[in-house]
Amino acid sequence: MTRPARHTARQTFWRDPALPFIEARRVADGRGLHYGRHWHETHSIGVITGGRSTYVNGAHAEVVEQGAVVVVNPGDVHGCNPVGDAPWAYVMFYLDPAWLGRVQARLRGDADTAFRPYDLAALRAPHVVDAGVRLFGMLADGQGSLAEREAAVADFVALLDRELAPGRIADAAATPRVERVAHYIDAHFAHALPLRDLCDAAQLSGSYLIRAFRRRYGVAPHEYQTNRRIQYAKARLRDGAPIAQVALDVGFADQAHFQRVFKRMTAATPGQYRD
């Protein structure tokens, strides 16, 4: 019996303390990367530079190919994965929403600097993909002054912004009580949170809470908590904290479990992400 080939992902993470509003990741071969459904606090832009992959963002699902751009608003539950053994390569940019909101306001001559989510989850725009590749090269190589690199990021955002109409995230099922549960999880994510505690926070029954929470956030409360743990863990790892200590700080009983969940959510080990 022929076994499917196993591939080791080739990827590069980039960040610079002088440009705290952006992180980037380049994957030259993503066949070995498999993501669980997850979300980011950042606004995420992905440019597909080769091959094809599945892409799910909320109710949106499609196969994206070279030349496509994926757009993930903060909090959007999403995932991309290889199609069989087909090659797949991409560059991702993770932008701070507050910084991006200021750029949006400047581009549109708007006094309101709050970040505005985009309606489109994906589009085909090879020229944006090419610009993203150039931007990553400039950032990773440290080309230009700090002001020039920040301007290059803003120019890339302006290019994409012209392709996307400013939208809104609307969810009729969102209620203050369900959102109160999310805030409760945000504040206590490192602790065990029995469903009854969440129900008490929302004053809702367990079955109704889970359904309403899924409608609002795309995942069940316990999945939201796991994602929150990983988001915090990434911040601690960026600061250089030891992996074992981070695992304990975010509520995992042992480092091995933390490693498995982190890789499932990010398609990278904690060590790869930190280093």
C-alpha atoms as a PDB file:
ATOM      1  CA  MET A   1       0.000   0.000   0.000  1.00  0.00           C
ATOM      2  CA  THR A   2       1.353   3.407  -0.947  1.00  0.00           C
ATOM      3  CA  ARG A   3       1.446   5.878   1.924  1.00  0.00           C
ATOM      4  CA  PRO A   4       0.878   9.598   1.327  1.00  0.00           C
ATOM      5  CA  ALA A   5       4.044  11.669   1.361  1.00  0.00           C
ATOM      6  CA  ARG A   6       4.843  13.555   4.551  1.00  0.00           C
ATOM      7  CA  HIS A   7       6.023  17.114   4.170  1.00  0.00           C
ATOM      8  CA  THR A   8       7.805  19.427   6.552  1.00  0.00           C
ATOM      9  CA  ALA A   9       6.522  22.975   6.240  1.00  0.00           C
ATOM     10  CA  ARG A  10       9.039  25.634   5.232  1.00  0.00           C
ATOM     11  CA  GLN A  11       8.036  28.872   6.891  1.00  0.00           C
ATOM     12  CA  THR A  12       9.449  32.135   8.217  1.00  0.00           C
ATOM     13  CA  PHE A  13       7.996  34.360  10.954  1.00  0.00           C
ATOM     14  CA  TRP A  14       8.826  38.070  10.974  1.00  0.00           C
ATOM     15  CA  ARG A  15       8.305  40.746  13.589  1.00  0.00           C
ATOM     16  CA  ASP A  16      10.133  43.931  14.585  1.00  0.00           C
ATOM     17  CA  PRO A  17       9.671  45.770  17.916  1.00  0.00           C
ATOM     18  CA  ALA A  18      10.064  49.025  16.006  1.00  0.00           C
ATOM     19  CA  LEU A  19       6.926  48.181  13.993  1.00  0.00           C
ATOM     20  CA  PRO A  20       4.660  46.752  16.702  1.00  0.00           C
ATOM     21  CA  PHE A  21       1.476  47.060  14.639  1.00  0.00           C
ATOM     22  CA  ILE A  22       2.378  44.275  12.194  1.00  0.00           C
ATOM     23  CA  GLU A  23       3.584  40.684  12.163  1.00  0.00           C
ATOM     24  CA  ALA A  24       4.135  38.574   9.068  1.00  0.00           C
ATOM     25  CA  ARG A  25       4.595  34.945   8.120  1.00  0.00           C
ATOM     26  CA  ARG A  26       5.808  33.442   4.847  1.00  0.00           C
ATOM     27  CA  VAL A  27       5.114  29.789   4.071  1.00  0.00           C
ATOM     28  CA  ALA A  28       7.026  28.395   1.114  1.00  0.00           C
ATOM     29  CA  ASP A  29       5.516  24.916   1.354  1.00  0.00           C
ATOM     30  CA  GLY A  30       2.332  24.548   3.403  1.00  0.00           C
ATOM     31  CA  ARG A  31       1.535  20.919   2.652  1.00  0.00           C
ATOM     32  CA  GLY A  32       2.558  19.952   6.179  1.00  0.00           C
ATOM     33  CA  LEU A  33       0.418  22.630   7.848  1.00  0.00           C
ATOM     34  CA  HIS A  34      -3.055  21.749   9.108  1.00  0.00           C
ATOM     35  CA  TYR A  35      -5.088  24.304  11.087  1.00  0.00           C
ATOM     36  CA  GLY A  36      -7.946  23.838  13.484  1.00  0.00           C
ATOM     37  CA  ARG A  37     -10.628  26.527  13.408  1.00  0.00           C
ATOM     38  CA  HIS A  38      -9.221  29.593  15.133  1.00  0.00           C
ATOM     39  CA  TRP A  39      -9.370  33.368  15.268  1.00  0.00           C
ATOM     40  CA  HIS A  40      -7.016  36.297  15.770  1.00  0.00           C
ATOM     41  CA  GLU A  41      -7.205  39.560  17.670  1.00  0.00           C
ATOM     42  CA  THR A  42      -5.462  41.127  14.682  1.00  0.00           C
ATOM     43  CA  HIS A  43      -6.798  41.871  11.220  1.00  0.00           C
ATOM     44  CA  SER A  44      -5.260  39.232   8.942  1.00  0.00           C
ATOM     45  CA  ILE A  45      -4.500  39.471   5.232  1.00  0.00           C
ATOM     46  CA  GLY A  46      -3.230  36.458   3.313  1.00  0.00           C
ATOM     47  CA  VAL A  47      -1.860  36.447  -0.231  1.00  0.00           C
ATOM     48  CA  ILE A  48      -1.683  33.064  -1.964  1.00  0.00           C
ATOM     49  CA  THR A  49       1.616  32.845  -3.835  1.00  0.00           C
ATOM     50  CA  GLY A  50       1.414  29.260  -5.062  1.00  0.00           C
ATOM     51  CA  GLY A  51      -0.796  26.194  -5.221  1.00  0.00           C
ATOM     52  CA  ARG A  52      -4.234  25.985  -3.675  1.00  0.00           C
ATOM     53  CA  SER A  53      -5.907  25.409  -0.314  1.00  0.00           C
ATOM     54  CA  THR A  54      -9.299  25.240   1.297  1.00  0.00           C
ATOM     55  CA  TYR A  55     -10.458  28.426   3.005  1.00  0.00           C
ATOM     56  CA  VAL A  56     -13.306  28.659   5.489  1.00  0.00           C
ATOM     57  CA  ASN A  57     -14.300  31.927   7.164  1.00  0.00           C
ATOM     58  CA  GLY A  58     -17.588  31.742   9.043  1.00  0.00           C
ATOM     59  CA  ALA A  59     -20.185  30.682   6.471  1.00  0.00           C
ATOM     60  CA  HIS A  60     -17.817  31.432   3.593  1.00  0.00           C
ATOM     61  CA  ALA A  61     -16.018  28.399   2.111  1.00  0.00           C
ATOM     62  CA  GLU A  62     -14.036  28.026  -1.097  1.00  0.00           C
ATOM     63  CA  VAL A  63     -10.807  26.708  -2.572  1.00  0.00           C
ATOM     64  CA  VAL A  64      -8.345  29.566  -3.043  1.00  0.00           C
ATOM     65  CA  GLU A  65      -5.513  29.453  -5.549  1.00  0.00           C
ATOM     66  CA  GLN A  66      -2.440  31.440  -6.503  1.00  0.00           C
ATOM     67  CA  GLY A  67      -3.446  35.067  -7.018  1.00  0.00           C
ATOM     68  CA  ALA A  68      -6.142  35.062  -4.332  1.00  0.00           C
ATOM     69  CA  VAL A  69      -6.266  37.305  -1.268  1.00  0.00           C
ATOM     70  CA  VAL A  70      -8.033  36.235   1.932  1.00  0.00           C
ATOM     71  CA  VAL A  71      -9.321  38.827   4.392  1.00  0.00           C
ATOM     72  CA  VAL A  72      -9.961  37.854   8.009  1.00  0.00           C
ATOM     73  CA  ASN A  73     -11.442  40.419  10.390  1.00  0.00           C
ATOM     74  CA  PRO A  74     -10.544  40.242  14.093  1.00  0.00           C
ATOM     75  CA  GLY A  75     -12.598  37.513  15.740  1.00  0.00           C
ATOM     76  CA  ASP A  76     -13.557  35.758  12.487  1.00  0.00           C
ATOM     77  CA  VAL A  77     -13.369  31.993  13.023  1.00  0.00           C
ATOM     78  CA  HIS A  78     -11.498  30.600  10.043  1.00  0.00           C
ATOM     79  CA  GLY A  79      -9.096  27.987   8.774  1.00  0.00           C
ATOM     80  CA  CYS A  80      -7.022  27.152   5.684  1.00  0.00           C
ATOM     81  CA  ASN A  81      -5.716  23.686   4.867  1.00  0.00           C
ATOM     82  CA  PRO A  82      -3.975  21.895   2.000  1.00  0.00           C
ATOM     83  CA  VAL A  83      -6.006  20.221  -0.740  1.00  0.00           C
ATOM     84  CA  GLY A  84      -4.767  16.639  -0.659  1.00  0.00           C
ATOM     85  CA  ASP A  85      -1.053  16.641  -1.368  1.00  0.00           C
ATOM     86  CA  ALA A  86      -1.184  19.734  -3.577  1.00  0.00           C
ATOM     87  CA  PRO A  87       1.493  22.413  -2.987  1.00  0.00           C
ATOM     88  CA  TRP A  88       0.445  25.574  -1.199  1.00  0.00           C
ATOM     89  CA  ALA A  89       2.375  28.761  -0.453  1.00  0.00           C
ATOM     90  CA  TYR A  90       1.336  32.089   1.006  1.00  0.00           C
ATOM     91  CA  VAL A  91       2.269  35.212   2.950  1.00  0.00           C
ATOM     92  CA  MET A  92       0.186  36.398   5.919  1.00  0.00           C
ATOM     93  CA  PHE A  93       0.153  39.847   7.493  1.00  0.00           C
ATOM     94  CA  TYR A  94      -1.336  40.407  10.968  1.00  0.00           C
ATOM     95  CA  LEU A  95      -2.251  44.052  11.575  1.00  0.00           C
ATOM     96  CA  ASP A  96      -3.224  45.770  14.811  1.00  0.00           C
ATOM     97  CA  PRO A  97      -6.852  46.932  14.366  1.00  0.00           C
ATOM     98  CA  ALA A  98      -6.272  50.253  16.149  1.00  0.00           C
ATOM     99  CA  TRP A  99      -3.398  51.139  13.807  1.00  0.00           C
ATOM    100  CA  LEU A 100      -5.380  49.941  10.800  1.00  0.00           C
ATOM    101  CA  GLY A 101      -8.383  52.025  11.849  1.00  0.00           C
ATOM    102  CA  ARG A 102      -6.246  55.156  11.816  1.00  0.00           C
ATOM    103  CA  VAL A 103      -5.003  54.286   8.326  1.00  0.00           C
ATOM    104  CA  GLN A 104      -8.566  53.661   7.123  1.00  0.00           C
ATOM    105  CA  ALA A 105      -9.674  57.033   8.487  1.00  0.00           C
ATOM    106  CA  ARG A 106      -6.799  58.812   6.752  1.00  0.00           C
ATOM    107  CA  LEU A 107      -7.533  57.073   3.450  1.00  0.00           C
ATOM    108  CA  ARG A 108     -11.224  57.980   3.559  1.00  0.00           C
ATOM    109  CA  GLY A 109     -10.954  61.436   5.111  1.00  0.00           C
ATOM    110  CA  ASP A 110     -12.957  60.233   8.094  1.00  0.00           C
ATOM    111  CA  ALA A 111     -12.657  61.611  11.611  1.00  0.00           C
ATOM    112  CA  ASP A 112     -13.684  58.263  13.113  1.00  0.00           C
ATOM    113  CA  THR A 113     -10.530  56.188  13.609  1.00  0.00           C
ATOM    114  CA  ALA A 114     -12.283  53.005  14.756  1.00  0.00           C
ATOM    115  CA  PHE A 115     -11.371  49.977  12.652  1.00  0.00           C
ATOM    116  CA  ARG A 116     -14.077  49.072  10.139  1.00  0.00           C
ATOM    117  CA  PRO A 117     -14.339  45.371   9.241  1.00  0.00           C
ATOM    118  CA  TYR A 118     -14.528  44.341   5.612  1.00  0.00           C
ATOM    119  CA  ASP A 119     -17.447  42.478   4.035  1.00  0.00           C
ATOM    120  CA  LEU A 120     -15.457  40.448   1.510  1.00  0.00           C
ATOM    121  CA  ALA A 121     -13.747  37.333   2.866  1.00  0.00           C
ATOM    122  CA  ALA A 122     -11.710  36.701  -0.297  1.00  0.00           C
ATOM    123  CA  LEU A 123     -11.017  38.127  -3.729  1.00  0.00           C
ATOM    124  CA  ARG A 124      -8.833  37.409  -6.716  1.00  0.00           C
ATOM    125  CA  ALA A 125      -6.239  40.165  -7.030  1.00  0.00           C
ATOM    126  CA  PRO A 126      -2.827  39.051  -8.396  1.00  0.00           C
ATOM    127  CA  HIS A 127      -1.519  42.634  -8.221  1.00  0.00           C
ATOM    128  CA  VAL A 128      -2.239  42.690  -4.455  1.00  0.00           C
ATOM    129  CA  VAL A 129      -0.468  39.335  -4.101  1.00  0.00           C
ATOM    130  CA  ASP A 130       2.594  40.718  -5.896  1.00  0.00           C
ATOM    131  CA  ALA A 131       2.555  43.784  -3.644  1.00  0.00           C
ATOM    132  CA  GLY A 132       2.345  41.567  -0.557  1.00  0.00           C
ATOM    133  CA  VAL A 133       5.357  39.545  -1.669  1.00  0.00           C
ATOM    134  CA  ARG A 134       7.352  42.722  -2.222  1.00  0.00           C
ATOM    135  CA  LEU A 135       6.303  44.070   1.177  1.00  0.00           C
ATOM    136  CA  PHE A 136       7.376  40.920   2.990  1.00  0.00           C
ATOM    137  CA  GLY A 137      10.739  41.023   1.221  1.00  0.00           C
ATOM    138  CA  MET A 138      11.269  44.630   2.243  1.00  0.00           C
ATOM    139  CA  LEU A 139      10.352  43.937   5.871  1.00  0.00           C
ATOM    140  CA  ALA A 140      12.325  40.706   6.214  1.00  0.00           C
ATOM    141  CA  ASP A 141      15.439  42.184   4.615  1.00  0.00           C
ATOM    142  CA  GLY A 142      15.250  45.348   6.726  1.00  0.00           C
ATOM    143  CA  GLN A 143      15.304  47.529   3.625  1.00  0.00           C
ATOM    144  CA  GLY A 144      14.801  51.261   4.019  1.00  0.00           C
ATOM    145  CA  SER A 145      14.379  53.427   7.067  1.00  0.00           C
ATOM    146  CA  LEU A 146      11.763  52.845   9.737  1.00  0.00           C
ATOM    147  CA  ALA A 147       9.575  55.567   8.224  1.00  0.00           C
ATOM    148  CA  GLU A 148       9.901  54.014   4.755  1.00  0.00           C
ATOM    149  CA  ARG A 149       8.906  50.571   6.003  1.00  0.00           C
ATOM    150  CA  GLU A 150       5.870  51.932   7.850  1.00  0.00           C
ATOM    151  CA  ALA A 151       4.883  53.854   4.736  1.00  0.00           C
ATOM    152  CA  ALA A 152       5.224  50.677   2.675  1.00  0.00           C
ATOM    153  CA  VAL A 153       2.837  48.845   5.014  1.00  0.00           C
ATOM    154  CA  ALA A 154       0.355  51.736   4.788  1.00  0.00           C
ATOM    155  CA  ASP A 155       0.642  51.722   0.975  1.00  0.00           C
ATOM    156  CA  PHE A 156      -0.146  48.006   0.898  1.00  0.00           C
ATOM    157  CA  VAL A 157      -3.188  48.580   3.108  1.00  0.00           C
ATOM    158  CA  ALA A 158      -4.316  51.418   0.825  1.00  0.00           C
ATOM    159  CA  LEU A 159      -4.019  49.140  -2.205  1.00  0.00           C
ATOM    160  CA  LEU A 160      -6.166  46.481  -0.571  1.00  0.00           C
ATOM    161  CA  ASP A 161      -8.614  49.029   0.834  1.00  0.00           C
ATOM    162  CA  ARG A 162      -9.378  50.220  -2.692  1.00  0.00           C
ATOM    163  CA  GLU A 163     -10.430  46.680  -3.553  1.00  0.00           C
ATOM    164  CA  LEU A 164     -12.729  46.274  -0.566  1.00  0.00           C
ATOM    165  CA  ALA A 165     -15.823  48.227   0.393  1.00  0.00           C
ATOM    166  CA  PRO A 166     -15.923  49.166   4.070  1.00  0.00           C
ATOM    167  CA  GLY A 167     -18.443  46.880   5.706  1.00  0.00           C
ATOM    168  CA  ARG A 168     -19.838  45.900   8.998  1.00  0.00           C
ATOM    169  CA  ILE A 169     -20.205  42.739  11.016  1.00  0.00           C
ATOM    170  CA  ALA A 170     -23.855  42.221  11.716  1.00  0.00           C
ATOM    171  CA  ASP A 171     -25.279  39.403  13.782  1.00  0.00           C
ATOM    172  CA  ALA A 172     -28.867  39.711  14.858  1.00  0.00           C
ATOM    173  CA  ALA A 173     -28.351  36.948  17.397  1.00  0.00           C
ATOM    174  CA  ALA A 174     -25.692  38.875  19.294  1.00  0.00           C
ATOM    175  CA  THR A 175     -26.975  39.868  22.707  1.00  0.00           C
ATOM    176  CA  PRO A 176     -25.341  41.669  25.601  1.00  0.00           C
ATOM    177  CA  ARG A 177     -25.618  38.515  27.702  1.00  0.00           C
ATOM    178  CA  VAL A 178     -23.766  36.360  25.185  1.00  0.00           C
ATOM    179  CA  GLU A 179     -21.086  39.009  24.780  1.00  0.00           C
ATOM    180  CA  ARG A 180     -20.844  39.188  28.572  1.00  0.00           C
ATOM    181  CA  VAL A 181     -19.858  35.507  28.545  1.00  0.00           C
ATOM    182  CA  ALA A 182     -17.076  36.242  26.050  1.00  0.00           C
ATOM    183  CA  HIS A 183     -15.785  39.033  28.296  1.00  0.00           C
ATOM    184  CA  TYR A 184     -15.950  36.659  31.274  1.00  0.00           C
ATOM    185  CA  ILE A 185     -13.863  34.107  29.362  1.00  0.00           C
ATOM    186  CA  ASP A 186     -11.406  36.837  28.360  1.00  0.00           C
ATOM    187  CA  ALA A 187     -10.900  37.683  32.033  1.00  0.00           C
ATOM    188  CA  HIS A 188     -10.644  34.086  33.308  1.00  0.00           C
ATOM    189  CA  PHE A 189      -9.320  32.095  30.346  1.00  0.00           C
ATOM    190  CA  ALA A 190      -6.476  30.474  32.298  1.00  0.00           C
ATOM    191  CA  HIS A 191      -8.893  28.796  34.723  1.00  0.00           C
ATOM    192  CA  ALA A 192     -11.261  25.879  34.342  1.00  0.00           C
ATOM    193  CA  LEU A 193     -14.640  27.350  33.410  1.00  0.00           C
ATOM    194  CA  PRO A 194     -17.516  24.907  33.910  1.00  0.00           C
ATOM    195  CA  LEU A 195     -20.522  25.539  31.701  1.00  0.00           C
ATOM    196  CA  ARG A 196     -22.641  26.291  34.773  1.00  0.00           C
ATOM    197  CA  ASP A 197     -20.363  29.255  35.598  1.00  0.00           C
ATOM    198  CA  LEU A 198     -20.850  30.649  32.100  1.00  0.00           C
ATOM    199  CA  CYS A 199     -24.579  30.119  32.341  1.00  0.00           C
ATOM    200  CA  ASP A 200     -24.604  32.043  35.630  1.00  0.00           C
ATOM    201  CA  ALA A 201     -22.679  34.896  33.971  1.00  0.00           C
ATOM    202  CA  ALA A 202     -25.202  35.069  31.121  1.00  0.00           C
ATOM    203  CA  GLN A 203     -28.325  34.062  33.022  1.00  0.00           C
ATOM    204  CA  LEU A 204     -29.067  31.607  30.196  1.00  0.00           C
ATOM    205  CA  SER A 205     -29.589  27.857  30.029  1.00  0.00           C
ATOM    206  CA  GLY A 206     -26.669  25.759  28.832  1.00  0.00           C
ATOM    207  CA  SER A 207     -28.211  24.664  25.541  1.00  0.00           C
ATOM    208  CA  TYR A 208     -29.393  28.165  24.654  1.00  0.00           C
ATOM    209  CA  LEU A 209     -26.056  29.713  25.596  1.00  0.00           C
ATOM    210  CA  ILE A 210     -24.082  27.323  23.393  1.00  0.00           C
ATOM    211  CA  ARG A 211     -26.362  27.913  20.388  1.00  0.00           C
ATOM    212  CA  ALA A 212     -26.356  31.692  20.833  1.00  0.00           C
ATOM    213  CA  PHE A 213     -22.604  31.785  21.414  1.00  0.00           C
ATOM    214  CA  ARG A 214     -21.990  29.796  18.230  1.00  0.00           C
ATOM    215  CA  ARG A 215     -24.182  32.191  16.247  1.00  0.00           C
ATOM    216  CA  ARG A 216     -22.278  35.187  17.578  1.00  0.00           C
ATOM    217  CA  TYR A 217     -18.687  33.908  17.573  1.00  0.00           C
ATOM    218  CA  GLY A 218     -18.720  30.861  15.300  1.00  0.00           C
ATOM    219  CA  VAL A 219     -17.479  28.490  18.008  1.00  0.00           C
ATOM    220  CA  ALA A 220     -18.659  27.049  21.306  1.00  0.00           C
ATOM    221  CA  PRO A 221     -17.546  28.777  24.530  1.00  0.00           C
ATOM    222  CA  HIS A 222     -14.841  26.189  25.309  1.00  0.00           C
ATOM    223  CA  GLU A 223     -13.353  26.625  21.809  1.00  0.00           C
ATOM    224  CA  TYR A 224     -13.366  30.387  22.304  1.00  0.00           C
ATOM    225  CA  GLN A 225     -11.509  29.898  25.592  1.00  0.00           C
ATOM    226  CA  THR A 226      -8.864  27.728  23.923  1.00  0.00           C
ATOM    227  CA  ASN A 227      -8.333  30.357  21.247  1.00  0.00           C
ATOM    228  CA  ARG A 228      -8.002  33.047  23.901  1.00  0.00           C
ATOM    229  CA  ARG A 229      -5.356  30.969  25.677  1.00  0.00           C
ATOM    230  CA  ILE A 230      -3.371  30.617  22.471  1.00  0.00           C
ATOM    231  CA  GLN A 231      -3.629  34.341  21.686  1.00  0.00           C
ATOM    232  CA  TYR A 232      -2.212  35.161  25.129  1.00  0.00           C
ATOM    233  CA  ALA A 233       0.456  32.476  24.753  1.00  0.00           C
ATOM    234  CA  LYS A 234       1.615  34.029  21.480  1.00  0.00           C
ATOM    235  CA  ALA A 235       2.043  37.394  23.181  1.00  0.00           C
ATOM    236  CA  ARG A 236       4.092  35.817  25.999  1.00  0.00           C
ATOM    237  CA  LEU A 237       6.247  33.907  23.519  1.00  0.00           C
ATOM    238  CA  ARG A 238       6.917  37.094  21.569  1.00  0.00           C
ATOM    239  CA  ASP A 239       8.290  38.524  24.810  1.00  0.00           C
ATOM    240  CA  GLY A 240      10.659  35.545  25.064  1.00  0.00           C
ATOM    241  CA  ALA A 241       8.967  33.740  27.972  1.00  0.00           C
ATOM    242  CA  PRO A 242       9.954  30.061  28.496  1.00  0.00           C
ATOM    243  CA  ILE A 243       7.555  27.661  26.827  1.00  0.00           C
ATOM    244  CA  ALA A 244       6.972  25.603  29.971  1.00  0.00           C
ATOM    245  CA  GLN A 245       6.073  28.717  31.953  1.00  0.00           C
ATOM    246  CA  VAL A 246       3.724  29.967  29.235  1.00  0.00           C
ATOM    247  CA  ALA A 247       1.950  26.601  29.223  1.00  0.00           C
ATOM    248  CA  LEU A 248       1.268  26.930  32.957  1.00  0.00           C
ATOM    249  CA  ASP A 249       0.308  30.592  32.742  1.00  0.00           C
ATOM    250  CA  VAL A 250      -2.416  29.942  30.169  1.00  0.00           C
ATOM    251  CA  GLY A 251      -3.900  27.012  32.055  1.00  0.00           C
ATOM    252  CA  PHE A 252      -2.460  23.870  30.489  1.00  0.00           C
ATOM    253  CA  ALA A 253      -1.620  21.055  32.885  1.00  0.00           C
ATOM    254  CA  ASP A 254       1.533  20.077  31.008  1.00  0.00           C
ATOM    255  CA  GLN A 255       3.779  21.372  28.261  1.00  0.00           C
ATOM    256  CA  ALA A 256       3.033  18.486  25.879  1.00  0.00           C
ATOM    257  CA  HIS A 257      -0.685  19.299  25.826  1.00  0.00           C
ATOM    258  CA  PHE A 258       0.095  22.969  25.259  1.00  0.00           C
ATOM    259  CA  GLN A 259       2.420  22.072  22.378  1.00  0.00           C
ATOM    260  CA  ARG A 260      -0.259  19.957  20.691  1.00  0.00           C
ATOM    261  CA  VAL A 261      -2.987  22.584  20.990  1.00  0.00           C
ATOM    262  CA  PHE A 262      -0.679  25.438  19.927  1.00  0.00           C
ATOM    263  CA  LYS A 263       0.384  23.567  16.801  1.00  0.00           C
ATOM    264  CA  ARG A 264      -3.213  22.648  15.986  1.00  0.00           C
ATOM    265  CA  MET A 265      -4.254  26.301  16.229  1.00  0.00           C
ATOM    266  CA  THR A 266      -1.247  27.919  14.535  1.00  0.00           C
ATOM    267  CA  ALA A 267       0.354  25.162  12.422  1.00  0.00           C
ATOM    268  CA  ALA A 268       3.650  25.882  14.190  1.00  0.00           C
ATOM    269  CA  THR A 269       5.226  24.756  17.442  1.00  0.00           C
ATOM    270  CA  PRO A 270       5.665  27.307  20.246  1.00  0.00           C
ATOM    271  CA  GLY A 271       9.411  27.182  19.659  1.00  0.00           C
ATOM    272  CA  GLN A 272       9.049  27.872  15.949  1.00  0.00           C
ATOM    273  CA  TYR A 273       6.749  30.802  16.636  1.00  0.00           C
ATOM    274  CA  ARG A 274       8.967  32.277  19.339  1.00  0.00           C
ATOM    275  CA  ASP A 275      12.247  31.931  17.434  1.00  0.00           C
END
